[in-house]
Amino acid sequence: MGVVARGLIDPIVAPGEFSPHLHTVKGASGISLNSSVDDLLASSCTSCQISQDKSAYWTPQLYFYDNNTNTYEMVQEVSGHLTYYKYVPHFISSGTYVYPIAIPNGMKMLSGNPFRRNMTIPRPDPPRPWTGADATQDALHQKAIGFNCLNYAGTPEGTLERHFLPDKNFLETNCPDGIRLEVLFPTCWDGVHLTSDDLTSHLAYGDAGANGGNCPKGYDTVIMQLLFETIYPTGNNIGRTGYYVFSNGDPTGFGYHGDALIAWEGTTLEDAVKVCGDPVKGPYATDGVVEHCPVFKMVAPAAQSACAIQASQVAVHADFQAMATALPGNNPIQTGPQEASQLDSAAAITPIPTLPSDLVPTTQSVAPRTSNTADPYGNQFLQGTAISYAGPAVTPAPVASELPKGEHILSTMTYTSNGAVYEIVDVEVFSTTTIWGNVPRSVALDRRARHLGRHVRHSH
C-alpha cells in the first residue's frame, strides 16, 4: 500500500482542524481534514491493493533526530504499509462462539494513545490466557502496540511481543533489517455505534488480544480484526549521534497509534467474508491468495504508488521534510513517564532526551517462546507495496472445556522473514488457519516447501 498523503491530518480526532502532529496516510485519495465515508467512497483512486477498498488508514511518522546538525529527518518506509483483515472468532458474554462479520462502513477505529509515555503493566507479557489486571481494556490497549526487531538471519520475534521502541544502539546492533511497527485494533463491537464520545468505547478487545478470546459484556458483535504493519530501516544512521522519535514527539514508542476510517464499495467486504473468509463455508478460505477471491478487483502496484491526495486538499500534503529544525506542528519531545501534554509550541524541545532506564533494552527484553509448530498449510504473505487483504483466521484463546478431545491451542503469532510474512501456530495435535494473502500460487507452493523444511520448529 502506497502513501497517499503526509500531513497534519486526522479527520477522526481533529475533524475540520489541523492535527497536532503529522500522520502518514494510506488508502483513499479523498482523505481530508474532515473526510466522511461518502468523501472516501467518491475518491478518484486508492493506494490499496483492492480497488473497492476506499478506506483511509494512518499512523504517526518516524523521524531521526541528528544531534550534530539539530535537524529531524523523515525515515522512509520499506515496502509500503500492510493492513491485514483477519478472521478471528471470539466467545461473547453468553458463552457462544461467534464468527466475525465485516467491519461496517463508517466505523471509526483507534488503537493506541498518542500521549502515553510509559507502560503500566508487567513486561514482557505473561503467557495467555490473560486474567485480572492483564485482561483489563487498558492493559489490552497497551499490548496492542508492537515493535518487532527484524533480523532475517536470526530467530524471529513474535508479533506484538515488545511494546516500546528500542533505542538506536539496540536497533543497529540487533535489528539489521529494521523495525516492524504493529498496531492491533479491537474486534468486539457494541453492535450499534460507529464511534463514541471518547472515540474508543464503542469497541473493545477480546481478553486474548490478537488471539481473540472472550468479548466483554455489552460487546456481543464480533468484527474482523484489523492489524497494521509498517517496516522502517533503522540501520542507515550508523556512526551518527541521535535518536528516533515519532511525529507526536514520542521517542519511547509507548505513544505509537493508528487510526482507520472504514469505507468499502457496496457489499464488497461482506461478500468477501462470506465467500473467502469463513473457514467453514468459504470455498476460498484456505487458498491464501487474495487474487483468487472472486470478490476483489486488483489495483496494479504502479497505480497504487501513483495515487495521491486530491488537489483540493494539497495544503495538508506539504513537504514536511523541509521543516527540519522541528517536528511538524512544533511538537516537543516528551519522554515521560507521565503522559505527554498537548502543547502549542516546541519552545521546550529537548535536543537529547533521557529515556527511562527500563527502556534501554537487551536481547532478553522479549521472553523466549518454544515449541512452535509451523502452519501445515504454508499460508503466508509476500512483502510489497500491496495491501488491503485479509490475514489469518487466528484461533482465539479457547475455553478448554470447549476444545475437541486431544486438542490444545497454545498461541498464534506472525513474523517477517526474507521478505515474507509467516503465520506460526503454536498447537498440540492440529490447527488450521485461513489467510487472504498476496502470494502467486507458484511462489506460495515453492515457499511452502522451504517454510516447512526450515521452520517446522521455532523458538521465540
Protein backbone atom coordinates (compact mmCIF):
# COMPACT_ATOMS: atom_id res chain seq x y z
CA MET A 1 0.00 0.00 0.00
CA GLY A 2 1.44 3.34 -1.03
CA VAL A 3 1.40 6.65 0.84
CA VAL A 4 -1.47 8.85 -0.34
CA ALA A 5 -0.68 11.82 1.94
CA ARG A 6 1.50 13.10 4.76
CA GLY A 7 0.15 15.96 6.75
CA LEU A 8 -1.32 17.43 9.93
CA ILE A 9 -4.47 15.48 9.25
CA ASP A 10 -6.75 13.33 11.41
CA PRO A 11 -10.45 13.51 10.50
CA ILE A 12 -11.39 11.28 13.45
CA VAL A 13 -9.59 13.01 16.35
CA ALA A 14 -9.40 16.54 14.92
CA PRO A 15 -12.17 16.85 12.30
CA GLY A 16 -12.05 20.10 10.36
CA GLU A 17 -8.81 21.20 12.06
CA PHE A 18 -5.12 20.62 11.60
CA SER A 19 -3.98 17.63 13.63
CA PRO A 20 -1.49 18.37 16.43
CA HIS A 21 1.03 16.04 14.77
CA LEU A 22 1.81 14.62 11.35
CA HIS A 23 0.34 11.36 10.08
CA THR A 24 1.27 9.21 7.13
CA VAL A 25 -1.97 8.25 5.37
CA LYS A 26 -2.66 5.29 3.11
CA GLY A 27 -5.79 4.43 1.17
CA ALA A 28 -8.36 6.68 -0.50
CA SER A 29 -7.34 9.90 -2.25
CA GLY A 30 -10.40 11.68 -0.83
CA ILE A 31 -8.86 11.93 2.63
CA SER A 32 -9.15 15.43 4.08
CA LEU A 33 -9.32 17.30 7.37
CA ASN A 34 -12.98 16.34 7.73
CA SER A 35 -13.47 13.32 5.47
CA SER A 36 -16.77 11.48 5.61
CA VAL A 37 -17.41 7.97 4.34
CA ASP A 38 -19.08 9.48 1.26
CA ASP A 39 -15.97 11.57 0.60
CA LEU A 40 -13.77 8.49 0.72
CA LEU A 41 -16.09 6.44 -1.47
CA ALA A 42 -16.03 9.24 -4.04
CA SER A 43 -12.22 9.13 -4.23
CA SER A 44 -10.68 9.01 -7.68
CA CYS A 45 -8.18 6.33 -6.62
CA THR A 46 -6.84 4.28 -3.73
CA SER A 47 -3.31 3.27 -2.79
CA CYS A 48 -4.71 -0.07 -1.60
CA GLN A 49 -4.24 -3.32 -3.50
CA ILE A 50 -8.00 -3.88 -3.72
CA SER A 51 -9.82 -1.25 -5.77
CA GLN A 52 -13.04 -1.47 -3.74
CA ASP A 53 -11.23 -0.54 -0.53
CA LYS A 54 -11.69 3.22 -0.21
CA SER A 55 -10.89 3.26 3.50
CA ALA A 56 -8.21 5.53 4.98
CA TYR A 57 -5.54 4.26 7.37
CA TRP A 58 -2.99 6.44 9.17
CA THR A 59 -0.16 6.33 11.73
CA PRO A 60 2.41 8.84 13.06
CA GLN A 61 5.58 9.25 11.01
CA LEU A 62 9.01 8.13 12.28
CA TYR A 63 11.89 10.66 12.27
CA PHE A 64 15.61 10.56 13.08
CA TYR A 65 17.00 13.45 15.09
CA ASP A 66 20.68 14.24 14.42
CA ASN A 67 22.36 15.73 17.49
CA ASN A 68 25.17 17.28 15.47
CA THR A 69 23.02 19.17 12.99
CA ASN A 70 20.00 19.63 15.28
CA THR A 71 17.70 18.52 12.47
CA TYR A 72 14.90 15.98 12.03
CA GLU A 73 14.96 13.64 9.03
CA MET A 74 11.94 11.66 7.89
CA VAL A 75 12.57 7.90 7.82
CA GLN A 76 11.10 6.33 4.68
CA GLU A 77 9.12 3.11 4.93
CA VAL A 78 10.32 -0.17 3.45
CA SER A 79 7.91 -1.97 1.07
CA GLY A 80 4.94 0.17 1.97
CA HIS A 81 2.33 -0.40 4.64
CA LEU A 82 0.49 -3.67 5.29
CA THR A 83 -3.09 -3.79 6.51
CA TYR A 84 -4.46 -7.20 7.47
CA TYR A 85 -8.14 -8.04 7.74
CA LYS A 86 -8.15 -11.17 9.90
CA TYR A 87 -10.94 -13.63 10.53
CA VAL A 88 -10.77 -14.30 14.30
CA PRO A 89 -13.75 -15.91 16.10
CA HIS A 90 -14.47 -14.94 19.74
CA PHE A 91 -16.60 -16.04 22.64
CA ILE A 92 -19.26 -13.50 23.64
CA SER A 93 -20.79 -12.92 27.09
CA SER A 94 -23.42 -15.65 26.62
CA GLY A 95 -20.64 -18.20 26.09
CA THR A 96 -21.44 -18.55 22.40
CA TYR A 97 -18.56 -18.94 19.95
CA VAL A 98 -19.15 -16.21 17.34
CA TYR A 99 -17.61 -15.74 13.90
CA PRO A 100 -16.77 -12.19 12.78
CA ILE A 101 -18.73 -10.02 10.39
CA ALA A 102 -17.37 -7.38 8.03
CA ILE A 103 -16.41 -4.07 9.63
CA PRO A 104 -19.31 -1.74 8.75
CA ASN A 105 -18.73 1.33 6.63
CA GLY A 106 -18.29 4.48 8.67
CA MET A 107 -16.62 2.67 11.57
CA LYS A 108 -14.07 4.95 13.22
CA MET A 109 -11.28 2.92 14.78
CA LEU A 110 -8.41 3.96 17.03
CA SER A 111 -5.69 1.92 18.68
CA GLY A 112 -3.00 3.32 20.94
CA ASN A 113 -2.70 6.55 22.92
CA PRO A 114 -0.50 9.32 21.46
CA PHE A 115 0.05 10.76 24.96
CA ARG A 116 1.23 7.54 26.60
CA ARG A 117 4.89 7.52 27.62
CA ASN A 118 5.01 4.55 29.97
CA MET A 119 3.69 1.01 30.30
CA THR A 120 1.74 0.36 33.48
CA ILE A 121 1.59 -3.44 33.18
CA PRO A 122 4.40 -6.01 33.54
CA ARG A 123 6.85 -6.58 30.70
CA PRO A 124 7.14 -8.93 28.93
CA ASP A 125 3.56 -10.16 28.58
CA PRO A 126 2.68 -13.21 30.68
CA PRO A 127 1.51 -16.35 28.86
CA ARG A 128 -2.10 -16.47 27.73
CA PRO A 129 -4.85 -16.79 28.80
CA TRP A 130 -4.67 -13.36 30.42
CA THR A 131 -6.68 -12.70 33.55
CA GLY A 132 -7.16 -9.98 36.15
CA ALA A 133 -5.09 -6.85 35.61
CA ASP A 134 -3.59 -8.32 32.44
CA ALA A 135 -7.02 -8.59 30.81
CA THR A 136 -8.40 -5.10 31.51
CA GLN A 137 -9.16 -2.93 28.49
CA ASP A 138 -6.33 -0.56 29.48
CA ALA A 139 -3.86 -3.45 29.58
CA LEU A 140 -5.11 -4.84 26.27
CA HIS A 141 -4.76 -1.41 24.65
CA GLN A 142 -1.13 -1.25 25.79
CA LYS A 143 -0.45 -4.74 24.42
CA ALA A 144 -1.93 -3.81 21.04
CA ILE A 145 1.20 -1.87 20.01
CA GLY A 146 4.25 -3.81 18.83
CA PHE A 147 7.88 -3.22 17.78
CA ASN A 148 9.39 -6.24 16.07
CA CYS A 149 13.18 -6.30 15.75
CA LEU A 150 13.92 -7.68 12.26
CA ASN A 151 16.93 -9.92 11.73
CA TYR A 152 16.15 -12.29 8.88
CA ALA A 153 19.27 -14.34 9.62
CA GLY A 154 18.28 -14.92 13.25
CA THR A 155 15.39 -16.22 15.31
CA PRO A 156 12.26 -14.20 14.52
CA GLU A 157 10.30 -12.38 17.17
CA GLY A 158 6.56 -12.81 17.53
CA THR A 159 4.03 -10.14 16.63
CA LEU A 160 3.17 -7.69 19.45
CA GLU A 161 5.77 -9.07 21.88
CA ARG A 162 7.64 -5.80 22.52
CA HIS A 163 5.59 -2.69 23.29
CA PHE A 164 8.18 0.09 23.08
CA LEU A 165 10.70 1.43 20.59
CA PRO A 166 14.24 0.16 21.29
CA ASP A 167 16.98 2.75 21.34
CA LYS A 168 19.27 3.46 18.38
CA ASN A 169 22.17 1.36 19.67
CA PHE A 170 19.97 -1.71 20.18
CA LEU A 171 18.38 -1.31 16.75
CA GLU A 172 21.73 -1.07 15.00
CA THR A 173 23.23 -3.96 16.94
CA ASN A 174 20.33 -6.41 16.84
CA CYS A 175 17.94 -5.39 14.06
CA PRO A 176 19.90 -5.20 10.78
CA ASP A 177 16.72 -5.46 8.70
CA GLY A 178 14.88 -2.69 10.54
CA ILE A 179 11.94 -2.44 12.91
CA ARG A 180 8.39 -3.57 12.16
CA LEU A 181 5.75 -1.39 13.82
CA GLU A 182 2.46 -3.12 14.63
CA VAL A 183 -0.97 -1.81 15.60
CA LEU A 184 -3.82 -4.19 16.53
CA PHE A 185 -7.39 -2.87 16.55
CA PRO A 186 -10.25 -4.07 18.80
CA THR A 187 -12.71 -6.63 17.45
CA CYS A 188 -15.62 -6.63 19.94
CA TRP A 189 -18.36 -4.14 18.98
CA ASP A 190 -21.44 -2.88 20.82
CA GLY A 191 -23.36 -3.58 17.62
CA VAL A 192 -24.82 -0.08 17.36
CA HIS A 193 -22.39 2.83 17.36
CA LEU A 194 -19.79 3.59 14.70
CA THR A 195 -17.97 5.92 17.07
CA SER A 196 -18.29 7.21 20.65
CA ASP A 197 -17.66 10.37 22.64
CA ASP A 198 -14.21 9.16 23.67
CA LEU A 199 -13.67 7.65 20.19
CA THR A 200 -12.88 4.20 21.60
CA SER A 201 -15.60 2.82 23.91
CA HIS A 202 -17.88 1.61 21.08
CA LEU A 203 -15.25 -1.12 20.59
CA ALA A 204 -13.33 -3.40 22.96
CA TYR A 205 -10.62 -6.05 22.82
CA GLY A 206 -11.16 -9.72 23.49
CA ASP A 207 -9.23 -10.85 26.56
CA ALA A 208 -6.70 -12.76 24.45
CA GLY A 209 -5.72 -9.82 22.25
CA ALA A 210 -4.71 -10.98 18.76
CA ASN A 211 -5.96 -14.47 19.61
CA GLY A 212 -9.50 -13.26 20.24
CA GLY A 213 -10.69 -14.83 23.46
CA ASN A 214 -13.75 -13.52 25.29
CA CYS A 215 -15.50 -10.25 24.45
CA PRO A 216 -16.63 -8.20 27.47
CA LYS A 217 -20.32 -7.93 28.30
CA GLY A 218 -22.12 -5.44 26.10
CA TYR A 219 -19.85 -6.12 23.12
CA ASP A 220 -21.51 -9.14 21.57
CA THR A 221 -20.86 -8.41 17.90
CA VAL A 222 -17.51 -9.59 16.57
CA ILE A 223 -15.96 -7.75 13.62
CA MET A 224 -12.93 -8.63 11.53
CA GLN A 225 -9.58 -7.92 13.15
CA LEU A 226 -7.53 -5.10 11.68
CA LEU A 227 -3.73 -5.17 12.01
CA PHE A 228 -1.25 -2.60 10.66
CA GLU A 229 2.38 -3.36 9.90
CA THR A 230 4.96 -0.79 8.78
CA ILE A 231 8.67 -1.51 8.38
CA TYR A 232 11.30 1.21 8.81
CA PRO A 233 15.03 0.82 8.11
CA THR A 234 16.92 1.70 11.28
CA GLY A 235 20.45 0.75 10.21
CA ASN A 236 21.07 3.71 7.91
CA ASN A 237 22.38 6.08 10.58
CA ILE A 238 25.31 4.10 11.99
CA GLY A 239 28.04 6.46 13.13
CA ARG A 240 25.66 9.35 13.70
CA THR A 241 24.66 10.57 17.15
CA GLY A 242 20.94 10.95 17.66
CA TYR A 243 17.70 9.13 18.29
CA TYR A 244 14.47 8.03 16.64
CA VAL A 245 11.25 9.82 17.51
CA PHE A 246 7.68 9.77 16.24
CA SER A 247 5.96 12.86 14.88
CA ASN A 248 3.91 13.21 18.09
CA GLY A 249 7.14 13.92 19.99
CA ASP A 250 7.43 10.37 21.33
CA PRO A 251 10.88 8.73 21.46
CA THR A 252 9.63 5.83 23.62
CA GLY A 253 7.11 4.18 21.29
CA PHE A 254 4.52 3.88 24.05
CA GLY A 255 2.56 6.62 22.26
CA TYR A 256 2.52 4.93 18.86
CA HIS A 257 -1.01 4.59 17.49
CA GLY A 258 -3.15 4.01 14.43
CA ASP A 259 -6.49 5.18 13.06
CA ALA A 260 -8.85 3.79 10.43
CA LEU A 261 -11.99 5.13 8.78
CA ILE A 262 -13.68 2.20 7.04
CA ALA A 263 -15.18 2.72 3.57
CA TRP A 264 -15.64 -0.22 1.18
CA GLU A 265 -17.62 -0.02 -2.04
CA GLY A 266 -21.04 -1.68 -1.94
CA THR A 267 -21.10 -5.04 -0.16
CA THR A 268 -17.55 -5.99 -1.15
CA LEU A 269 -16.25 -6.67 2.33
CA GLU A 270 -19.40 -8.51 3.43
CA ASP A 271 -19.27 -10.65 0.29
CA ALA A 272 -15.58 -11.37 0.80
CA VAL A 273 -16.19 -12.54 4.35
CA LYS A 274 -18.90 -14.94 3.16
CA VAL A 275 -17.08 -16.23 0.09
CA CYS A 276 -13.41 -16.09 1.02
CA GLY A 277 -13.11 -15.64 4.77
CA ASP A 278 -15.35 -18.14 6.55
CA PRO A 279 -13.24 -21.26 7.24
CA VAL A 280 -16.38 -23.41 7.32
CA LYS A 281 -18.41 -22.05 4.40
CA GLY A 282 -15.91 -20.18 2.25
CA PRO A 283 -14.64 -22.21 -0.74
CA TYR A 284 -11.52 -20.00 -0.98
CA ALA A 285 -10.90 -19.88 2.77
CA THR A 286 -7.62 -21.84 2.85
CA ASP A 287 -6.26 -20.71 -0.53
CA GLY A 288 -4.10 -17.91 0.81
CA VAL A 289 -4.16 -15.89 -2.44
CA VAL A 290 -6.09 -12.63 -2.49
CA GLU A 291 -6.31 -12.68 -6.28
CA HIS A 292 -8.19 -15.97 -6.04
CA CYS A 293 -11.03 -14.37 -4.11
CA PRO A 294 -13.50 -13.54 -6.92
CA VAL A 295 -14.99 -10.63 -4.97
CA PHE A 296 -11.90 -8.45 -5.24
CA LYS A 297 -10.60 -6.29 -8.10
CA MET A 298 -6.86 -5.68 -8.04
CA VAL A 299 -5.01 -2.38 -8.37
CA ALA A 300 -1.66 -2.54 -10.18
CA PRO A 301 1.35 -1.67 -7.99
CA ALA A 302 2.19 1.34 -10.17
CA ALA A 303 -1.34 2.70 -9.77
CA GLN A 304 -1.16 2.25 -6.01
CA SER A 305 2.06 4.25 -5.87
CA ALA A 306 0.70 6.96 -8.17
CA CYS A 307 -2.45 7.59 -6.11
CA ALA A 308 -2.20 10.86 -4.15
CA ILE A 309 -4.41 13.15 -2.14
CA GLN A 310 -6.82 15.17 -4.30
CA ALA A 311 -5.72 18.65 -5.37
CA SER A 312 -8.27 20.42 -3.19
CA GLN A 313 -6.51 19.03 -0.13
CA VAL A 314 -2.93 19.64 -1.21
CA ALA A 315 -2.41 22.13 1.65
CA VAL A 316 -2.27 19.28 4.14
CA HIS A 317 0.23 17.41 1.97
CA ALA A 318 3.10 19.87 2.15
CA ASP A 319 6.74 18.81 2.09
CA PHE A 320 7.19 18.27 5.81
CA GLN A 321 10.77 17.13 5.32
CA ALA A 322 11.55 20.83 4.82
CA MET A 323 10.63 21.53 8.46
CA ALA A 324 13.93 20.08 9.55
CA THR A 325 14.59 22.06 12.73
CA ALA A 326 11.37 20.99 14.47
CA LEU A 327 8.78 18.28 14.17
CA PRO A 328 5.71 19.23 12.11
CA GLY A 329 3.31 21.10 14.35
CA ASN A 330 6.23 22.09 16.58
CA ASN A 331 5.73 19.07 18.82
CA PRO A 332 8.16 18.99 21.75
CA ILE A 333 9.94 15.80 22.74
CA GLN A 334 8.27 14.37 25.83
CA THR A 335 9.84 11.25 27.33
CA GLY A 336 7.52 10.61 30.30
CA PRO A 337 6.90 8.54 32.30
CA GLN A 338 3.92 10.86 32.88
CA GLU A 339 1.50 11.32 30.00
CA ALA A 340 2.52 13.89 27.40
CA SER A 341 0.86 17.29 27.39
CA GLN A 342 -0.83 18.80 24.38
CA LEU A 343 1.32 21.89 23.79
CA ASP A 344 1.01 24.63 21.21
CA SER A 345 4.69 25.16 20.55
CA ALA A 346 8.03 23.44 20.79
CA ALA A 347 9.78 26.04 22.96
CA ALA A 348 10.94 23.32 25.32
CA ILE A 349 12.33 20.83 22.80
CA THR A 350 14.96 18.64 24.43
CA PRO A 351 17.84 18.03 21.98
CA ILE A 352 18.94 14.77 23.63
CA PRO A 353 16.14 13.11 25.58
CA THR A 354 16.98 10.99 28.60
CA LEU A 355 14.99 7.81 28.27
CA PRO A 356 13.78 5.92 31.34
CA SER A 357 16.34 3.28 32.28
CA ASP A 358 13.92 0.39 31.75
CA LEU A 359 13.59 1.37 28.07
CA VAL A 360 17.21 0.53 27.29
CA PRO A 361 16.61 -2.99 26.02
CA THR A 362 18.80 -6.05 25.98
CA THR A 363 18.41 -9.12 23.85
CA GLN A 364 16.35 -10.54 26.72
CA SER A 365 13.74 -7.78 26.50
CA VAL A 366 11.31 -10.22 24.92
CA ALA A 367 10.74 -13.52 26.69
CA PRO A 368 11.70 -16.52 24.52
CA ARG A 369 8.98 -18.94 23.42
CA THR A 370 9.46 -22.54 22.43
CA SER A 371 7.73 -25.44 20.69
CA ASN A 372 6.07 -23.55 17.86
CA THR A 373 4.77 -25.71 15.05
CA ALA A 374 4.75 -24.27 11.55
CA ASP A 375 1.41 -23.75 9.85
CA PRO A 376 0.91 -27.05 7.97
CA TYR A 377 -0.86 -25.25 5.13
CA GLY A 378 2.06 -22.96 4.36
CA ASN A 379 -0.15 -19.86 4.27
CA GLN A 380 1.94 -16.72 4.08
CA PHE A 381 2.27 -13.26 2.53
CA LEU A 382 4.83 -11.64 0.31
CA GLN A 383 6.03 -8.19 1.29
CA GLY A 384 5.46 -5.48 -1.28
CA THR A 385 3.66 -2.26 -1.97
CA ALA A 386 0.33 -4.04 -1.98
CA ILE A 387 -2.11 -4.39 0.84
CA SER A 388 -5.71 -4.34 1.92
CA TYR A 389 -6.25 -8.04 2.23
CA ALA A 390 -7.46 -10.30 4.95
CA GLY A 391 -4.98 -12.10 7.12
CA PRO A 392 -5.01 -15.34 9.08
CA ALA A 393 -8.06 -16.60 10.86
CA VAL A 394 -6.26 -16.89 14.16
CA THR A 395 -7.91 -19.22 16.63
CA PRO A 396 -8.68 -17.35 19.85
CA ALA A 397 -7.55 -18.47 23.26
CA PRO A 398 -10.29 -21.07 23.77
CA VAL A 399 -12.15 -22.30 26.79
CA ALA A 400 -10.54 -25.66 27.49
CA SER A 401 -13.88 -27.41 28.05
CA GLU A 402 -14.99 -26.48 24.52
CA LEU A 403 -11.95 -27.85 22.71
CA PRO A 404 -12.22 -31.20 20.93
CA LYS A 405 -10.66 -34.02 22.87
CA GLY A 406 -6.91 -34.17 22.42
CA GLU A 407 -6.50 -30.66 21.03
CA HIS A 408 -4.77 -27.82 22.86
CA ILE A 409 -4.15 -24.43 21.23
CA LEU A 410 -1.30 -22.54 22.85
CA SER A 411 -0.89 -19.36 20.80
CA THR A 412 -0.56 -17.89 17.32
CA MET A 413 1.77 -15.21 16.00
CA THR A 414 3.16 -13.80 12.78
CA TYR A 415 6.66 -12.81 11.76
CA THR A 416 8.52 -11.48 8.73
CA SER A 417 11.48 -13.30 7.20
CA ASN A 418 13.26 -12.89 3.86
CA GLY A 419 10.50 -10.67 2.53
CA ALA A 420 7.63 -12.95 3.51
CA VAL A 421 5.19 -12.76 6.40
CA TYR A 422 4.62 -16.12 8.10
CA GLU A 423 1.92 -17.29 10.49
CA ILE A 424 3.18 -19.53 13.31
CA VAL A 425 0.53 -21.56 15.13
CA ASP A 426 1.63 -22.92 18.50
CA VAL A 427 -0.56 -26.00 18.93
CA GLU A 428 -0.73 -29.52 20.14
CA VAL A 429 -2.23 -32.08 17.73
CA PHE A 430 -3.84 -29.95 14.99
CA SER A 431 -4.79 -26.44 13.92
CA THR A 432 -5.86 -24.75 10.70
CA THR A 433 -5.60 -21.15 9.58
CA THR A 434 -7.34 -19.07 6.96
CA ILE A 435 -5.46 -16.29 5.21
CA TRP A 436 -6.21 -13.87 2.44
CA GLY A 437 -2.77 -13.04 1.09
CA ASN A 438 -0.89 -11.59 -1.85
CA VAL A 439 1.06 -14.68 -2.94
CA PRO A 440 1.09 -16.02 -6.50
CA ARG A 441 0.24 -19.71 -6.37
CA SER A 442 3.54 -20.96 -7.81
CA VAL A 443 5.50 -18.80 -5.38
CA ALA A 444 3.32 -19.92 -2.49
CA LEU A 445 3.93 -23.59 -3.22
CA ASP A 446 7.66 -23.06 -3.57
CA ARG A 447 7.89 -21.04 -0.35
CA ARG A 448 5.63 -23.55 1.42
CA ALA A 449 8.15 -26.35 0.91
CA ARG A 450 11.03 -24.21 2.16
CA HIS A 451 8.94 -22.88 5.04
CA LEU A 452 8.05 -26.34 6.30
CA GLY A 453 11.60 -27.56 5.83
CA ARG A 454 13.25 -24.70 7.69
CA HIS A 455 10.66 -23.66 10.27
CA VAL A 456 8.97 -26.81 11.49
CA ARG A 457 10.15 -25.94 14.99
CA HIS A 458 11.00 -22.48 16.16
CA SER A 459 11.81 -20.76 19.41
CA HIS A 460 10.50 -17.27 20.11
